[in-house]
C-alpha atoms as a PDB file:
ATOM      1  CA  SER A   1     -31.482   9.059  29.610  1.00  0.00           C
ATOM      2  CA  ARG A   2     -28.190   7.471  30.645  1.00  0.00           C
ATOM      3  CA  ARG A   3     -26.306   8.257  33.819  1.00  0.00           C
ATOM      4  CA  SER A   4     -22.571   8.187  34.344  1.00  0.00           C
ATOM      5  CA  ALA A   5     -20.013   7.883  37.138  1.00  0.00           C
ATOM      6  CA  MET A   6     -17.006   8.765  34.993  1.00  0.00           C
ATOM      7  CA  PHE A   7     -14.676  11.579  36.007  1.00  0.00           C
ATOM      8  CA  GLU A   8     -14.591  14.526  33.632  1.00  0.00           C
ATOM      9  CA  ALA A   9     -12.971  17.947  33.806  1.00  0.00           C
ATOM     10  CA  LEU A  10     -13.350  21.134  31.806  1.00  0.00           C
ATOM     11  CA  LYS A  11     -11.448  24.418  31.581  1.00  0.00           C
ATOM     12  CA  LEU A  12     -12.412  27.535  29.663  1.00  0.00           C
ATOM     13  CA  ILE A  13      -9.088  29.301  29.228  1.00  0.00           C
ATOM     14  CA  THR A  14      -8.828  33.040  28.581  1.00  0.00           C
ATOM     15  CA  LEU A  15      -5.400  33.995  27.304  1.00  0.00           C
ATOM     16  CA  ALA A  16      -3.706  37.232  28.285  1.00  0.00           C
ATOM     17  CA  THR A  17      -4.351  40.069  25.836  1.00  0.00           C
ATOM     18  CA  PRO A  18      -0.666  40.565  24.872  1.00  0.00           C
ATOM     19  CA  LEU A  19      -0.454  36.892  23.843  1.00  0.00           C
ATOM     20  CA  ALA A  20      -1.031  36.781  20.092  1.00  0.00           C
ATOM     21  CA  GLY A  21      -0.109  34.983  16.913  1.00  0.00           C
ATOM     22  CA  ALA A  22       2.667  32.449  17.272  1.00  0.00           C
ATOM     23  CA  ALA A  23       2.715  32.761  21.074  1.00  0.00           C
ATOM     24  CA  ARG A  24      -0.927  31.670  21.250  1.00  0.00           C
ATOM     25  CA  GLU A  25      -0.279  28.721  18.989  1.00  0.00           C
ATOM     26  CA  ASP A  26       2.790  27.734  21.028  1.00  0.00           C
ATOM     27  CA  PHE A  27       0.650  27.776  24.169  1.00  0.00           C
ATOM     28  CA  ARG A  28      -2.092  25.702  22.557  1.00  0.00           C
ATOM     29  CA  GLN A  29       0.419  23.182  21.196  1.00  0.00           C
ATOM     30  CA  ALA A  30       2.128  22.776  24.574  1.00  0.00           C
ATOM     31  CA  LEU A  31      -1.220  22.154  26.226  1.00  0.00           C
ATOM     32  CA  GLU A  32      -2.191  19.736  23.444  1.00  0.00           C
ATOM     33  CA  ASP A  33       1.021  17.741  23.897  1.00  0.00           C
ATOM     34  CA  ALA A  34       0.565  17.565  27.669  1.00  0.00           C
ATOM     35  CA  THR A  35      -3.085  16.502  27.374  1.00  0.00           C
ATOM     36  CA  ALA A  36      -2.314  13.835  24.792  1.00  0.00           C
ATOM     37  CA  ALA A  37       0.349  12.435  27.152  1.00  0.00           C
ATOM     38  CA  LEU A  38      -2.037  12.138  30.114  1.00  0.00           C
ATOM     39  CA  PRO A  39      -2.450   8.449  31.032  1.00  0.00           C
ATOM     40  CA  ALA A  40      -5.840   6.731  30.856  1.00  0.00           C
ATOM     41  CA  VAL A  41      -7.668   9.561  29.054  1.00  0.00           C
ATOM     42  CA  ARG A  42     -10.717   8.188  27.268  1.00  0.00           C
ATOM     43  CA  ARG A  43     -11.434  11.345  25.243  1.00  0.00           C
ATOM     44  CA  TYR A  44     -10.113  14.867  25.196  1.00  0.00           C
ATOM     45  CA  LEU A  45     -10.945  18.101  23.435  1.00  0.00           C
ATOM     46  CA  LEU A  46      -8.774  21.186  23.002  1.00  0.00           C
ATOM     47  CA  GLU A  47     -10.187  23.678  20.507  1.00  0.00           C
ATOM     48  CA  PRO A  48     -10.428  27.459  20.064  1.00  0.00           C
ATOM     49  CA  VAL A  49     -13.833  28.893  20.907  1.00  0.00           C
ATOM     50  CA  LEU A  50     -15.999  30.208  18.100  1.00  0.00           C
ATOM     51  CA  PRO A  51     -17.316  33.803  18.200  1.00  0.00           C
ATOM     52  CA  GLY A  52     -20.665  34.478  19.834  1.00  0.00           C
ATOM     53  CA  GLY A  53     -20.255  33.072  23.335  1.00  0.00           C
ATOM     54  CA  TYR A  54     -19.989  34.894  26.647  1.00  0.00           C
ATOM     55  CA  GLY A  55     -17.611  34.139  29.461  1.00  0.00           C
ATOM     56  CA  ALA A  56     -16.211  31.696  26.915  1.00  0.00           C
ATOM     57  CA  GLY A  57     -12.523  32.512  26.921  1.00  0.00           C
ATOM     58  CA  ASP A  58     -10.233  31.498  24.056  1.00  0.00           C
ATOM     59  CA  LEU A  59      -9.807  27.728  24.416  1.00  0.00           C
ATOM     60  CA  ILE A  60     -12.043  24.862  25.524  1.00  0.00           C
ATOM     61  CA  TRP A  61     -10.126  22.052  27.254  1.00  0.00           C
ATOM     62  CA  ARG A  62     -12.003  18.911  28.293  1.00  0.00           C
ATOM     63  CA  VAL A  63     -10.913  15.420  29.391  1.00  0.00           C
ATOM     64  CA  SER A  64     -12.751  12.293  30.482  1.00  0.00           C
ATOM     65  CA  PHE A  65     -11.594   9.280  32.493  1.00  0.00           C
ATOM     66  CA  ALA A  66     -13.253   5.989  33.359  1.00  0.00           C
ATOM     67  CA  ASP A  67     -13.629   6.941  37.034  1.00  0.00           C
ATOM     68  CA  GLU A  68     -12.600   9.527  39.604  1.00  0.00           C
ATOM     69  CA  GLN A  69      -9.672   7.588  41.052  1.00  0.00           C
ATOM     70  CA  THR A  70      -8.124   7.122  37.605  1.00  0.00           C
ATOM     71  CA  GLY A  71      -8.634  10.758  36.681  1.00  0.00           C
ATOM     72  CA  ARG A  72      -7.280  12.248  39.857  1.00  0.00           C
ATOM     73  CA  ARG A  73      -4.255   9.964  39.772  1.00  0.00           C
ATOM     74  CA  ALA A  74      -3.462  11.038  36.190  1.00  0.00           C
ATOM     75  CA  LEU A  75      -3.862  14.751  36.960  1.00  0.00           C
ATOM     76  CA  ALA A  76      -1.697  14.413  40.078  1.00  0.00           C
ATOM     77  CA  GLU A  77       1.322  12.986  38.241  1.00  0.00           C
ATOM     78  CA  ARG A  78       4.389  15.205  37.977  1.00  0.00           C
ATOM     79  CA  PRO A  79       4.235  16.014  34.240  1.00  0.00           C
ATOM     80  CA  TRP A  80       0.699  17.352  34.461  1.00  0.00           C
ATOM     81  CA  ARG A  81       1.342  19.169  37.743  1.00  0.00           C
ATOM     82  CA  ASP A  82       4.225  20.958  36.025  1.00  0.00           C
ATOM     83  CA  VAL A  83       1.951  21.959  33.136  1.00  0.00           C
ATOM     84  CA  ASP A  84      -0.705  23.126  35.552  1.00  0.00           C
ATOM     85  CA  ALA A  85       1.779  25.282  37.447  1.00  0.00           C
ATOM     86  CA  GLN A  86       4.046  26.505  34.665  1.00  0.00           C
ATOM     87  CA  LEU A  87       1.659  26.798  31.712  1.00  0.00           C
ATOM     88  CA  LEU A  88      -1.850  27.285  33.085  1.00  0.00           C
ATOM     89  CA  GLY A  89      -0.520  29.116  36.128  1.00  0.00           C
ATOM     90  CA  ASP A  90       1.489  31.613  34.065  1.00  0.00           C
ATOM     91  CA  HIS A  91      -0.430  34.875  34.428  1.00  0.00           C
ATOM     92  CA  GLY A  92       1.632  36.408  31.665  1.00  0.00           C
ATOM     93  CA  ARG A  93      -0.084  33.984  29.301  1.00  0.00           C
ATOM     94  CA  VAL A  94      -3.339  33.100  31.061  1.00  0.00           C
ATOM     95  CA  ALA A  95      -5.752  35.784  32.224  1.00  0.00           C
ATOM     96  CA  ARG A  96      -8.548  33.575  33.593  1.00  0.00           C
ATOM     97  CA  ILE A  97      -9.627  29.950  33.866  1.00  0.00           C
ATOM     98  CA  GLU A  98     -13.161  28.741  34.504  1.00  0.00           C
ATOM     99  CA  HIS A  99     -12.870  25.196  35.851  1.00  0.00           C
ATOM    100  CA  ALA A 100     -15.346  22.432  36.611  1.00  0.00           C
ATOM    101  CA  ALA A 101     -15.058  18.714  37.296  1.00  0.00           C
ATOM    102  CA  TRP A 102     -17.823  16.179  37.794  1.00  0.00           C
ATOM    103  CA  THR A 103     -18.681  12.527  38.308  1.00  0.00           C
ATOM    104  CA  ARG A 104     -22.481  12.772  38.477  1.00  0.00           C
ATOM    105  CA  ALA A 105     -24.129  13.233  35.109  1.00  0.00           C
ATOM    106  CA  ALA A 106     -27.170  12.315  33.059  1.00  0.00           C
ATOM    107  CA  GLY A 107     -26.839  12.117  29.294  1.00  0.00           C
ATOM    108  CA  GLY A 108     -28.249  10.798  26.067  1.00  0.00           C
ATOM    109  CA  GLY A 109     -28.119  10.842  22.294  1.00  0.00           C
ATOM    110  CA  VAL A 110     -25.349   9.897  19.881  1.00  0.00           C
ATOM    111  CA  SER A 111     -22.438  12.221  19.122  1.00  0.00           C
ATOM    112  CA  PRO A 112     -21.914  13.258  15.506  1.00  0.00           C
ATOM    113  CA  GLY A 113     -18.573  12.267  14.035  1.00  0.00           C
ATOM    114  CA  ARG A 114     -17.761  15.938  13.499  1.00  0.00           C
ATOM    115  CA  GLY A 115     -19.798  18.969  14.462  1.00  0.00           C
ATOM    116  CA  VAL A 116     -20.165  21.644  17.112  1.00  0.00           C
ATOM    117  CA  TYR A 117     -19.661  21.163  20.850  1.00  0.00           C
ATOM    118  CA  ARG A 118     -21.299  23.586  23.285  1.00  0.00           C
ATOM    119  CA  VAL A 119     -20.881  23.888  27.050  1.00  0.00           C
ATOM    120  CA  ALA A 120     -22.584  26.155  29.571  1.00  0.00           C
ATOM    121  CA  LEU A 121     -21.518  26.637  33.191  1.00  0.00           C
ATOM    122  CA  PHE A 122     -24.223  27.655  35.667  1.00  0.00           C
ATOM    123  CA  CYS A 123     -24.213  28.605  39.341  1.00  0.00           C
ATOM    124  CA  ALA A 124     -27.629  27.793  40.805  1.00  0.00           C
ATOM    125  CA  ASN A 125     -27.407  29.946  43.950  1.00  0.00           C
ATOM    126  CA  ARG A 126     -30.782  31.731  44.256  1.00  0.00           C
ATOM    127  CA  SER A 127     -32.759  29.821  46.925  1.00  0.00           C
ATOM    128  CA  PRO A 128     -31.453  26.487  45.654  1.00  0.00           C
ATOM    129  CA  SER A 129     -33.779  24.120  47.513  1.00  0.00           C
ATOM    130  CA  PRO A 130     -33.620  20.410  46.585  1.00  0.00           C
ATOM    131  CA  GLU A 131     -37.073  20.645  45.031  1.00  0.00           C
ATOM    132  CA  ARG A 132     -36.166  23.673  42.876  1.00  0.00           C
ATOM    133  CA  LEU A 133     -32.880  22.129  41.791  1.00  0.00           C
ATOM    134  CA  ALA A 134     -34.651  18.909  40.837  1.00  0.00           C
ATOM    135  CA  ARG A 135     -37.245  20.776  38.743  1.00  0.00           C
ATOM    136  CA  PHE A 136     -34.564  22.816  36.997  1.00  0.00           C
ATOM    137  CA  ALA A 137     -32.553  19.680  36.192  1.00  0.00           C
ATOM    138  CA  ALA A 138     -35.633  17.808  34.952  1.00  0.00           C
ATOM    139  CA  GLU A 139     -36.670  20.625  32.617  1.00  0.00           C
ATOM    140  CA  THR A 140     -33.131  21.009  31.305  1.00  0.00           C
ATOM    141  CA  ARG A 141     -32.797  17.263  30.699  1.00  0.00           C
ATOM    142  CA  ALA A 142     -36.101  17.361  28.793  1.00  0.00           C
ATOM    143  CA  MET A 143     -34.778  19.825  26.211  1.00  0.00           C
ATOM    144  CA  PRO A 144     -33.403  17.162  23.806  1.00  0.00           C
ATOM    145  CA  GLN A 145     -36.894  15.604  23.594  1.00  0.00           C
ATOM    146  CA  TYR A 146     -38.145  18.809  21.987  1.00  0.00           C
ATOM    147  CA  ILE A 147     -35.034  20.321  20.390  1.00  0.00           C
ATOM    148  CA  ARG A 148     -34.153  17.759  17.760  1.00  0.00           C
ATOM    149  CA  SER A 149     -30.957  19.464  16.654  1.00  0.00           C
ATOM    150  CA  ILE A 150     -29.294  18.269  19.897  1.00  0.00           C
ATOM    151  CA  ARG A 151     -27.423  15.146  18.823  1.00  0.00           C
ATOM    152  CA  SER A 152     -25.822  14.322  22.178  1.00  0.00           C
ATOM    153  CA  TRP A 153     -26.099  15.892  25.619  1.00  0.00           C
ATOM    154  CA  GLN A 154     -24.985  15.732  29.234  1.00  0.00           C
ATOM    155  CA  LEU A 155     -26.124  17.559  32.377  1.00  0.00           C
ATOM    156  CA  ALA A 156     -23.746  17.256  35.316  1.00  0.00           C
ATOM    157  CA  THR A 157     -23.475  18.541  38.854  1.00  0.00           C
ATOM    158  CA  THR A 158     -19.948  19.510  39.801  1.00  0.00           C
ATOM    159  CA  CYS A 159     -17.704  17.971  42.433  1.00  0.00           C
ATOM    160  CA  GLU A 160     -15.282  20.892  42.173  1.00  0.00           C
ATOM    161  CA  ALA A 161     -15.371  24.277  40.473  1.00  0.00           C
ATOM    162  CA  SER A 162     -13.521  27.575  40.394  1.00  0.00           C
ATOM    163  CA  GLY A 163     -13.372  30.805  38.440  1.00  0.00           C
ATOM    164  CA  SER A 164     -15.921  33.597  38.205  1.00  0.00           C
ATOM    165  CA  ARG A 165     -18.426  31.562  40.244  1.00  0.00           C
ATOM    166  CA  PRO A 166     -18.502  28.251  42.157  1.00  0.00           C
ATOM    167  CA  TRP A 167     -20.188  26.502  39.217  1.00  0.00           C
ATOM    168  CA  THR A 168     -22.860  23.981  40.171  1.00  0.00           C
ATOM    169  CA  HIS A 169     -23.974  22.647  36.765  1.00  0.00           C
ATOM    170  CA  VAL A 170     -22.311  21.778  33.470  1.00  0.00           C
ATOM    171  CA  TRP A 171     -24.755  21.613  30.535  1.00  0.00           C
ATOM    172  CA  GLN A 172     -23.264  20.206  27.320  1.00  0.00           C
ATOM    173  CA  GLN A 173     -24.574  19.403  23.871  1.00  0.00           C
ATOM    174  CA  GLU A 174     -23.268  18.364  20.465  1.00  0.00           C
ATOM    175  CA  TYR A 175     -24.724  19.469  17.135  1.00  0.00           C
ATOM    176  CA  SER A 176     -24.143  18.561  13.527  1.00  0.00           C
ATOM    177  CA  ASP A 177     -23.616  22.222  12.634  1.00  0.00           C
ATOM    178  CA  LEU A 178     -23.660  25.691  14.144  1.00  0.00           C
ATOM    179  CA  ASP A 179     -27.218  26.421  13.028  1.00  0.00           C
ATOM    180  CA  GLY A 180     -28.443  23.607  15.272  1.00  0.00           C
ATOM    181  CA  LEU A 181     -27.179  25.617  18.253  1.00  0.00           C
ATOM    182  CA  ALA A 182     -27.434  29.279  17.213  1.00  0.00           C
ATOM    183  CA  GLY A 183     -30.756  28.808  15.406  1.00  0.00           C
ATOM    184  CA  THR A 184     -32.811  25.815  16.463  1.00  0.00           C
ATOM    185  CA  TYR A 185     -31.673  25.558  20.102  1.00  0.00           C
ATOM    186  CA  MET A 186     -31.551  29.237  21.003  1.00  0.00           C
ATOM    187  CA  MET A 187     -34.891  30.065  19.372  1.00  0.00           C
ATOM    188  CA  HIS A 188     -36.862  26.986  20.419  1.00  0.00           C
ATOM    189  CA  PRO A 189     -40.007  27.637  22.533  1.00  0.00           C
ATOM    190  CA  TRP A 190     -39.006  25.032  25.135  1.00  0.00           C
ATOM    191  CA  HIS A 191     -35.815  26.996  25.682  1.00  0.00           C
ATOM    192  CA  TRP A 192     -37.230  30.496  26.058  1.00  0.00           C
ATOM    193  CA  ALA A 193     -40.681  29.650  27.435  1.00  0.00           C
ATOM    194  CA  HIS A 194     -39.681  27.004  30.008  1.00  0.00           C
ATOM    195  CA  VAL A 195     -35.986  26.812  30.896  1.00  0.00           C
ATOM    196  CA  ASP A 196     -35.221  30.528  30.582  1.00  0.00           C
ATOM    197  CA  ARG A 197     -37.370  31.446  33.562  1.00  0.00           C
ATOM    198  CA  TRP A 198     -34.783  29.853  35.865  1.00  0.00           C
ATOM    199  CA  PHE A 199     -32.343  32.510  34.594  1.00  0.00           C
ATOM    200  CA  ASP A 200     -34.681  35.529  34.702  1.00  0.00           C
ATOM    201  CA  PRO A 201     -34.551  37.802  37.808  1.00  0.00           C
ATOM    202  CA  GLU A 202     -38.095  38.991  37.033  1.00  0.00           C
ATOM    203  CA  TRP A 203     -39.581  35.498  37.487  1.00  0.00           C
ATOM    204  CA  PRO A 204     -40.377  33.931  40.882  1.00  0.00           C
ATOM    205  CA  GLU A 205     -38.529  30.783  39.756  1.00  0.00           C
ATOM    206  CA  TRP A 206     -35.207  32.642  39.321  1.00  0.00           C
ATOM    207  CA  LEU A 207     -32.473  30.194  40.326  1.00  0.00           C
ATOM    208  CA  VAL A 208     -29.285  30.723  38.289  1.00  0.00           C
ATOM    209  CA  ASP A 209     -26.764  33.516  38.888  1.00  0.00           C
ATOM    210  CA  PRO A 210     -26.669  35.962  35.945  1.00  0.00           C
ATOM    211  CA  VAL A 211     -22.914  35.390  35.595  1.00  0.00           C
ATOM    212  CA  LEU A 212     -22.547  32.250  33.490  1.00  0.00           C
ATOM    213  CA  CYS A 213     -20.447  30.827  30.672  1.00  0.00           C
ATOM    214  CA  HIS A 214     -21.608  29.871  27.179  1.00  0.00           C
ATOM    215  CA  ALA A 215     -18.863  28.519  24.913  1.00  0.00           C
ATOM    216  CA  PHE A 216     -18.797  26.472  21.738  1.00  0.00           C
ATOM    217  CA  CYS A 217     -16.260  25.188  19.247  1.00  0.00           C
ATOM    218  CA  ALA A 218     -15.865  22.991  16.217  1.00  0.00           C
ATOM    219  CA  SER A 219     -15.418  19.359  17.280  1.00  0.00           C
ATOM    220  CA  PRO A 220     -13.351  17.097  14.997  1.00  0.00           C
ATOM    221  CA  ALA A 221     -14.499  13.930  16.809  1.00  0.00           C
ATOM    222  CA  PRO A 222     -17.183  12.845  19.333  1.00  0.00           C
ATOM    223  CA  VAL A 223     -16.807  14.689  22.650  1.00  0.00           C
ATOM    224  CA  ILE A 224     -19.471  13.503  25.108  1.00  0.00           C
ATOM    225  CA  GLU A 225     -18.826  10.004  26.400  1.00  0.00           C
ATOM    226  CA  PRO A 226     -21.702   7.516  26.250  1.00  0.00           C
ATOM    227  CA  CYS A 227     -22.773   6.924  29.856  1.00  0.00           C
ATOM    228  CA  THR A 228     -22.262   3.343  30.945  1.00  0.00           C
ATOM    229  CA  SER A 229     -22.951   3.246  34.699  1.00  0.00           C
ATOM    230  CA  MET A 230     -25.883   4.507  36.708  1.00  0.00           C
ATOM    231  CA  VAL A 231     -25.939   7.173  39.385  1.00  0.00           C
ATOM    232  CA  ASP A 232     -28.667   9.435  40.699  1.00  0.00           C
ATOM    233  CA  PRO A 233     -29.430  12.247  38.235  1.00  0.00           C
ATOM    234  CA  PRO A 234     -28.275  15.767  39.047  1.00  0.00           C
END
C-alpha cells in the first residue's frame, strides 16, 4: 500500500427540506464555483449522493491539496471563508454537515476514469486501545486484496472532524460501477465475516459507534489521489 501526507477534506452536506428544485441547483452551483476557484486544489469532487446510503446527506464535497499548510492557507482565504459562513453556514439551506479532514492515510489501486466513489465515516470509540485500532485498520486495509471490485482505496485517520460524531476514520473506495459496491463489496465474505465484527455490539471486538455515514456518488473523473509520500499507517 501507499501512504500519503497530503491534506484532504470532506463534507457530506444535508440540505434543508424546504430547499428543492432550482434552489438546490443554485446552491450546488455556487459551491461548485467557489470550490473550483480555491487555489492549489489538486482534485475536487462535488456530486449528489446516490440512493441507498445512510447518514449520507445530499451532496458529497471533497478536496485534496499537496500538504496541510497549502490546504489550510487556501481554506482560510477570504473568498472561501465567506462561502463557509454565508453558504454552508446558512441553516435555511443547510440542515447538517458531516466534516472530516486528514493528512495521515494509506491507499492503493488505480482510480477508474469514471465510476462510483464511496466514502464511509467511522467513530472508533468503544475501548479504542492502540492494539485494537491497529488490528481494525489492518483488516480494513486488507479488504482490497480480497474484494477485487475495489479499483482504488484510501483509509485515513482524521486530524479534525465534526457532525454527528467526532469521526476518527475515513474509508474510501472507487469502483467501475455500482454493482462493484452494492454487490461484490457488500456481500463479500471478508466484509461480513471479518471487518463487520468491529461494528457489531454483540461481538467482543466491537469498536465502532453504530452511528456512521455511508455515502456514494457517480464520479466523472478519478477522485482518490495517488499517495506519493510516506507516513505511518492509520
